Amino acid sequence: MSEVFDGYERQYCELSANLSRKCTSVSALHGEEKKHKLTELKSGLDEADSLIRRMDLEARSLPPTQKAALLAKLREYKSDLNNLKRDVKKSASTDAASARDDLLESGMANHANPTHDQRGRLLMSTERLNQSGERIKESKRTLLETEELGVSILQDLASQRQTLLHAQNTVRSLCMESTITLGRVAGS
């Protein structure tokens, strides 16, 4: 196995366990403390994403006999990371929803006669903003996956080029040997 992959794997497992503990504890927090923990979690998720990408690149650079097993492990880690992201997102969205409700309630206390229509428009606007943010995140994720795929393809092509060059050199040396052998046979 690859020592580099093993190192990344250890780092990812430690980070994943840490993120999982933090995600469980964040639901009990409120206000600024919860925002701070969510920021830490998001930073940790970015770091975990980076480790997964590095493991993927390392696994794809190995011979096919080792590559298959490591890519299977990698799929499990990606699934684990997606579950963590979903949990963090759920924690963040419940926090955003309660903050939005608090804001709307305090805004309504300031107005003598707020209309239901104003609140509905505010909620729709907030929802549209959230959806736009999600589309941007999804586009970024797609871009990163495309970049990873491109790097993987370039690595595979480089490996194939080396194989072809090696085969070409082998054929040349065999041709030279057969020419020398034929020359000796003809000379004797």
C-alpha atoms as a PDB file:
ATOM      1  CA  MET A   1       0.000   0.000   0.000  1.00  0.00           C
ATOM      2  CA  SER A   2       1.008   3.624  -0.343  1.00  0.00           C
ATOM      3  CA  GLU A   3       2.472   5.300   2.734  1.00  0.00           C
ATOM      4  CA  VAL A   4       1.253   8.667   1.449  1.00  0.00           C
ATOM      5  CA  PHE A   5      -2.318   7.360   1.139  1.00  0.00           C
ATOM      6  CA  ASP A   6      -2.091   5.809   4.619  1.00  0.00           C
ATOM      7  CA  GLY A   7      -0.982   9.151   6.063  1.00  0.00           C
ATOM      8  CA  TYR A   8      -3.884  10.982   4.423  1.00  0.00           C
ATOM      9  CA  GLU A   9      -6.227   8.225   5.584  1.00  0.00           C
ATOM     10  CA  ARG A  10      -5.122   8.570   9.225  1.00  0.00           C
ATOM     11  CA  GLN A  11      -5.545  12.355   9.058  1.00  0.00           C
ATOM     12  CA  TYR A  12      -9.005  11.985   7.526  1.00  0.00           C
ATOM     13  CA  CYS A  13     -10.176   9.444  10.125  1.00  0.00           C
ATOM     14  CA  GLU A  14      -9.042  11.664  13.009  1.00  0.00           C
ATOM     15  CA  LEU A  15     -10.629  14.731  11.436  1.00  0.00           C
ATOM     16  CA  SER A  16     -13.870  12.875  10.678  1.00  0.00           C
ATOM     17  CA  ALA A  17     -14.199  11.633  14.271  1.00  0.00           C
ATOM     18  CA  ASN A  18     -13.504  15.145  15.569  1.00  0.00           C
ATOM     19  CA  LEU A  19     -16.060  16.701  13.213  1.00  0.00           C
ATOM     20  CA  SER A  20     -18.645  14.108  14.176  1.00  0.00           C
ATOM     21  CA  ARG A  21     -18.217  14.931  17.881  1.00  0.00           C
ATOM     22  CA  LYS A  22     -18.449  18.664  17.214  1.00  0.00           C
ATOM     23  CA  CYS A  23     -21.532  18.211  15.033  1.00  0.00           C
ATOM     24  CA  THR A  24     -23.288  16.334  17.830  1.00  0.00           C
ATOM     25  CA  SER A  25     -22.450  18.999  20.405  1.00  0.00           C
ATOM     26  CA  VAL A  26     -23.369  22.010  18.220  1.00  0.00           C
ATOM     27  CA  SER A  27     -27.118  21.345  18.436  1.00  0.00           C
ATOM     28  CA  ALA A  28     -27.097  22.248  22.141  1.00  0.00           C
ATOM     29  CA  LEU A  29     -25.453  25.634  21.510  1.00  0.00           C
ATOM     30  CA  HIS A  30     -27.069  28.986  20.696  1.00  0.00           C
ATOM     31  CA  GLY A  31     -26.130  32.390  19.343  1.00  0.00           C
ATOM     32  CA  GLU A  32     -22.537  33.403  18.735  1.00  0.00           C
ATOM     33  CA  GLU A  33     -21.147  30.240  20.279  1.00  0.00           C
ATOM     34  CA  LYS A  34     -23.118  28.135  17.797  1.00  0.00           C
ATOM     35  CA  LYS A  35     -22.030  30.348  14.886  1.00  0.00           C
ATOM     36  CA  HIS A  36     -18.405  29.947  15.939  1.00  0.00           C
ATOM     37  CA  LYS A  37     -18.729  26.150  16.149  1.00  0.00           C
ATOM     38  CA  LEU A  38     -20.462  26.024  12.749  1.00  0.00           C
ATOM     39  CA  THR A  39     -17.610  28.051  11.248  1.00  0.00           C
ATOM     40  CA  GLU A  40     -15.126  25.580  12.762  1.00  0.00           C
ATOM     41  CA  LEU A  41     -17.146  22.679  11.370  1.00  0.00           C
ATOM     42  CA  LYS A  42     -17.260  24.180   7.881  1.00  0.00           C
ATOM     43  CA  SER A  43     -13.515  24.775   7.968  1.00  0.00           C
ATOM     44  CA  GLY A  44     -13.004  21.167   9.057  1.00  0.00           C
ATOM     45  CA  LEU A  45     -15.242  19.948   6.235  1.00  0.00           C
ATOM     46  CA  ASP A  46     -13.145  21.909   3.730  1.00  0.00           C
ATOM     47  CA  GLU A  47     -10.013  20.304   5.143  1.00  0.00           C
ATOM     48  CA  ALA A  48     -11.632  16.843   4.949  1.00  0.00           C
ATOM     49  CA  ASP A  49     -12.623  17.546   1.339  1.00  0.00           C
ATOM     50  CA  SER A  50      -9.024  18.439   0.582  1.00  0.00           C
ATOM     51  CA  LEU A  51      -7.760  15.215   2.179  1.00  0.00           C
ATOM     52  CA  ILE A  52     -10.244  13.165   0.147  1.00  0.00           C
ATOM     53  CA  ARG A  53      -9.023  14.836  -3.060  1.00  0.00           C
ATOM     54  CA  ARG A  54      -5.389  14.118  -2.141  1.00  0.00           C
ATOM     55  CA  MET A  55      -6.201  10.479  -1.329  1.00  0.00           C
ATOM     56  CA  ASP A  56      -8.009  10.193  -4.672  1.00  0.00           C
ATOM     57  CA  LEU A  57      -5.035  11.575  -6.587  1.00  0.00           C
ATOM     58  CA  GLU A  58      -2.631   9.312  -4.721  1.00  0.00           C
ATOM     59  CA  ALA A  59      -4.818   6.223  -5.280  1.00  0.00           C
ATOM     60  CA  ARG A  60      -5.122   6.928  -8.999  1.00  0.00           C
ATOM     61  CA  SER A  61      -1.343   7.239  -9.345  1.00  0.00           C
ATOM     62  CA  LEU A  62      -0.785   3.690  -8.064  1.00  0.00           C
ATOM     63  CA  PRO A  63      -0.703   0.462 -10.088  1.00  0.00           C
ATOM     64  CA  PRO A  64      -4.129  -1.067 -10.857  1.00  0.00           C
ATOM     65  CA  THR A  65      -3.627  -3.877  -8.325  1.00  0.00           C
ATOM     66  CA  GLN A  66      -3.478  -1.368  -5.454  1.00  0.00           C
ATOM     67  CA  LYS A  67      -5.745   1.253  -6.990  1.00  0.00           C
ATOM     68  CA  ALA A  68      -8.996  -0.754  -6.835  1.00  0.00           C
ATOM     69  CA  ALA A  69      -8.847  -1.413  -3.083  1.00  0.00           C
ATOM     70  CA  LEU A  70      -7.952   2.182  -2.262  1.00  0.00           C
ATOM     71  CA  LEU A  71     -10.694   3.598  -4.483  1.00  0.00           C
ATOM     72  CA  ALA A  72     -13.233   1.368  -2.691  1.00  0.00           C
ATOM     73  CA  LYS A  73     -12.075   2.800   0.659  1.00  0.00           C
ATOM     74  CA  LEU A  74     -12.237   6.260  -0.830  1.00  0.00           C
ATOM     75  CA  ARG A  75     -15.900   5.798  -1.820  1.00  0.00           C
ATOM     76  CA  GLU A  76     -16.711   4.959   1.812  1.00  0.00           C
ATOM     77  CA  TYR A  77     -14.883   8.071   3.003  1.00  0.00           C
ATOM     78  CA  LYS A  78     -16.728  10.233   0.471  1.00  0.00           C
ATOM     79  CA  SER A  79     -20.037   8.818   1.700  1.00  0.00           C
ATOM     80  CA  ASP A  80     -19.021   9.510   5.305  1.00  0.00           C
ATOM     81  CA  LEU A  81     -18.049  13.068   4.386  1.00  0.00           C
ATOM     82  CA  ASN A  82     -21.371  13.644   2.624  1.00  0.00           C
ATOM     83  CA  ASN A  83     -23.210  12.475   5.744  1.00  0.00           C
ATOM     84  CA  LEU A  84     -21.160  14.883   7.870  1.00  0.00           C
ATOM     85  CA  LYS A  85     -21.914  17.727   5.462  1.00  0.00           C
ATOM     86  CA  ARG A  86     -25.611  16.923   5.624  1.00  0.00           C
ATOM     87  CA  ASP A  87     -25.545  16.945   9.442  1.00  0.00           C
ATOM     88  CA  VAL A  88     -23.707  20.280   9.561  1.00  0.00           C
ATOM     89  CA  LYS A  89     -26.073  21.735   6.992  1.00  0.00           C
ATOM     90  CA  LYS A  90     -29.043  20.591   9.065  1.00  0.00           C
ATOM     91  CA  SER A  91     -27.559  22.204  12.180  1.00  0.00           C
ATOM     92  CA  ALA A  92     -26.845  25.416  10.286  1.00  0.00           C
ATOM     93  CA  SER A  93     -30.276  25.574   8.677  1.00  0.00           C
ATOM     94  CA  THR A  94     -32.087  25.129  11.992  1.00  0.00           C
ATOM     95  CA  ASP A  95     -29.926  27.910  13.401  1.00  0.00           C
ATOM     96  CA  ALA A  96     -30.673  30.147  10.383  1.00  0.00           C
ATOM     97  CA  ALA A  97     -34.389  29.388  10.610  1.00  0.00           C
ATOM     98  CA  SER A  98     -34.557  30.257  14.313  1.00  0.00           C
ATOM     99  CA  ALA A  99     -32.518  33.431  13.741  1.00  0.00           C
ATOM    100  CA  ARG A 100     -34.837  34.418  10.883  1.00  0.00           C
ATOM    101  CA  ASP A 101     -37.898  33.796  13.056  1.00  0.00           C
ATOM    102  CA  ASP A 102     -36.380  35.838  15.890  1.00  0.00           C
ATOM    103  CA  LEU A 103     -35.622  38.667  13.485  1.00  0.00           C
ATOM    104  CA  LEU A 104     -39.096  38.612  12.010  1.00  0.00           C
ATOM    105  CA  GLU A 105     -40.707  38.556  15.437  1.00  0.00           C
ATOM    106  CA  SER A 106     -38.599  41.466  16.671  1.00  0.00           C
ATOM    107  CA  GLY A 107     -39.368  43.365  13.475  1.00  0.00           C
ATOM    108  CA  MET A 108     -43.052  42.777  13.992  1.00  0.00           C
ATOM    109  CA  ALA A 109     -42.839  44.097  17.534  1.00  0.00           C
ATOM    110  CA  ASN A 110     -41.481  47.377  16.128  1.00  0.00           C
ATOM    111  CA  HIS A 111     -44.354  47.815  13.685  1.00  0.00           C
ATOM    112  CA  ALA A 112     -47.826  48.586  14.923  1.00  0.00           C
ATOM    113  CA  ASN A 113     -49.668  46.688  12.194  1.00  0.00           C
ATOM    114  CA  PRO A 114     -47.446  44.347  10.106  1.00  0.00           C
ATOM    115  CA  THR A 115     -49.082  42.466   7.286  1.00  0.00           C
ATOM    116  CA  HIS A 116     -48.878  38.781   6.639  1.00  0.00           C
ATOM    117  CA  ASP A 117     -47.925  39.591   3.050  1.00  0.00           C
ATOM    118  CA  GLN A 118     -44.732  41.394   4.128  1.00  0.00           C
ATOM    119  CA  ARG A 119     -43.619  38.411   6.170  1.00  0.00           C
ATOM    120  CA  GLY A 120     -44.358  36.065   3.256  1.00  0.00           C
ATOM    121  CA  ARG A 121     -42.283  38.183   0.873  1.00  0.00           C
ATOM    122  CA  LEU A 122     -39.424  38.254   3.360  1.00  0.00           C
ATOM    123  CA  LEU A 123     -39.529  34.491   3.745  1.00  0.00           C
ATOM    124  CA  MET A 124     -39.620  33.994  -0.041  1.00  0.00           C
ATOM    125  CA  SER A 125     -36.660  36.346  -0.510  1.00  0.00           C
ATOM    126  CA  THR A 126     -34.683  34.527   2.148  1.00  0.00           C
ATOM    127  CA  GLU A 127     -35.501  31.186   0.553  1.00  0.00           C
ATOM    128  CA  ARG A 128     -34.396  32.441  -2.882  1.00  0.00           C
ATOM    129  CA  LEU A 129     -31.125  33.661  -1.393  1.00  0.00           C
ATOM    130  CA  ASN A 130     -30.551  30.285   0.266  1.00  0.00           C
ATOM    131  CA  GLN A 131     -31.280  28.470  -3.013  1.00  0.00           C
ATOM    132  CA  SER A 132     -28.867  30.731  -4.917  1.00  0.00           C
ATOM    133  CA  GLY A 133     -26.172  30.027  -2.340  1.00  0.00           C
ATOM    134  CA  GLU A 134     -26.762  26.293  -2.671  1.00  0.00           C
ATOM    135  CA  ARG A 135     -26.530  26.500  -6.485  1.00  0.00           C
ATOM    136  CA  ILE A 136     -23.214  28.329  -6.166  1.00  0.00           C
ATOM    137  CA  LYS A 137     -21.887  25.683  -3.751  1.00  0.00           C
ATOM    138  CA  GLU A 138     -23.044  22.913  -6.094  1.00  0.00           C
ATOM    139  CA  SER A 139     -21.356  24.621  -9.055  1.00  0.00           C
ATOM    140  CA  LYS A 140     -18.139  24.926  -7.075  1.00  0.00           C
ATOM    141  CA  ARG A 141     -18.301  21.241  -6.119  1.00  0.00           C
ATOM    142  CA  THR A 142     -18.880  20.274  -9.759  1.00  0.00           C
ATOM    143  CA  LEU A 143     -15.933  22.429 -10.810  1.00  0.00           C
ATOM    144  CA  LEU A 144     -13.664  20.725  -8.261  1.00  0.00           C
ATOM    145  CA  GLU A 145     -14.805  17.263  -9.363  1.00  0.00           C
ATOM    146  CA  THR A 146     -14.171  18.184 -13.007  1.00  0.00           C
ATOM    147  CA  GLU A 147     -10.710  19.433 -12.100  1.00  0.00           C
ATOM    148  CA  GLU A 148      -9.969  16.196 -10.223  1.00  0.00           C
ATOM    149  CA  LEU A 149     -11.160  14.151 -13.196  1.00  0.00           C
ATOM    150  CA  GLY A 150      -8.913  16.158 -15.525  1.00  0.00           C
ATOM    151  CA  VAL A 151      -5.898  15.581 -13.284  1.00  0.00           C
ATOM    152  CA  SER A 152      -6.728  11.882 -13.125  1.00  0.00           C
ATOM    153  CA  ILE A 153      -6.998  11.618 -16.912  1.00  0.00           C
ATOM    154  CA  LEU A 154      -3.667  13.430 -17.367  1.00  0.00           C
ATOM    155  CA  GLN A 155      -2.012  11.050 -14.907  1.00  0.00           C
ATOM    156  CA  ASP A 156      -3.450   8.024 -16.710  1.00  0.00           C
ATOM    157  CA  LEU A 157      -2.234   9.387 -20.054  1.00  0.00           C
ATOM    158  CA  ALA A 158       1.245   9.983 -18.626  1.00  0.00           C
ATOM    159  CA  SER A 159       1.322   6.418 -17.324  1.00  0.00           C
ATOM    160  CA  GLN A 160       0.203   5.063 -20.690  1.00  0.00           C
ATOM    161  CA  ARG A 161       2.873   7.166 -22.433  1.00  0.00           C
ATOM    162  CA  GLN A 162       5.555   5.678 -20.189  1.00  0.00           C
ATOM    163  CA  THR A 163       4.280   2.178 -20.947  1.00  0.00           C
ATOM    164  CA  LEU A 164       4.390   2.842 -24.699  1.00  0.00           C
ATOM    165  CA  LEU A 165       7.903   4.326 -24.498  1.00  0.00           C
ATOM    166  CA  HIS A 166       9.069   1.304 -22.535  1.00  0.00           C
ATOM    167  CA  ALA A 167       7.511  -1.048 -25.102  1.00  0.00           C
ATOM    168  CA  GLN A 168       9.116   0.923 -27.932  1.00  0.00           C
ATOM    169  CA  ASN A 169      12.552   0.680 -26.281  1.00  0.00           C
ATOM    170  CA  THR A 170      12.089  -3.049 -25.735  1.00  0.00           C
ATOM    171  CA  VAL A 171      11.186  -3.582 -29.406  1.00  0.00           C
ATOM    172  CA  ARG A 172      14.221  -1.522 -30.506  1.00  0.00           C
ATOM    173  CA  SER A 173      16.593  -3.502 -28.317  1.00  0.00           C
ATOM    174  CA  LEU A 174      15.119  -6.786 -29.566  1.00  0.00           C
ATOM    175  CA  CYS A 175      15.531  -5.607 -33.176  1.00  0.00           C
ATOM    176  CA  MET A 176      19.144  -4.639 -32.483  1.00  0.00           C
ATOM    177  CA  GLU A 177      19.842  -7.995 -30.853  1.00  0.00           C
ATOM    178  CA  SER A 178      18.274  -9.906 -33.754  1.00  0.00           C
ATOM    179  CA  THR A 179      20.242  -7.806 -36.265  1.00  0.00           C
ATOM    180  CA  ILE A 180      23.488  -8.516 -34.410  1.00  0.00           C
ATOM    181  CA  THR A 181      22.632 -12.216 -34.178  1.00  0.00           C
ATOM    182  CA  LEU A 182      21.787 -12.361 -37.913  1.00  0.00           C
ATOM    183  CA  GLY A 183      25.064 -10.578 -38.685  1.00  0.00           C
ATOM    184  CA  ARG A 184      27.010 -13.143 -36.683  1.00  0.00           C
ATOM    185  CA  VAL A 185      25.167 -16.044 -38.329  1.00  0.00           C
ATOM    186  CA  ALA A 186      25.742 -14.590 -41.794  1.00  0.00           C
ATOM    187  CA  GLY A 187      29.391 -13.932 -41.002  1.00  0.00           C
ATOM    188  CA  SER A 188      30.058 -17.478 -39.871  1.00  0.00           C
END
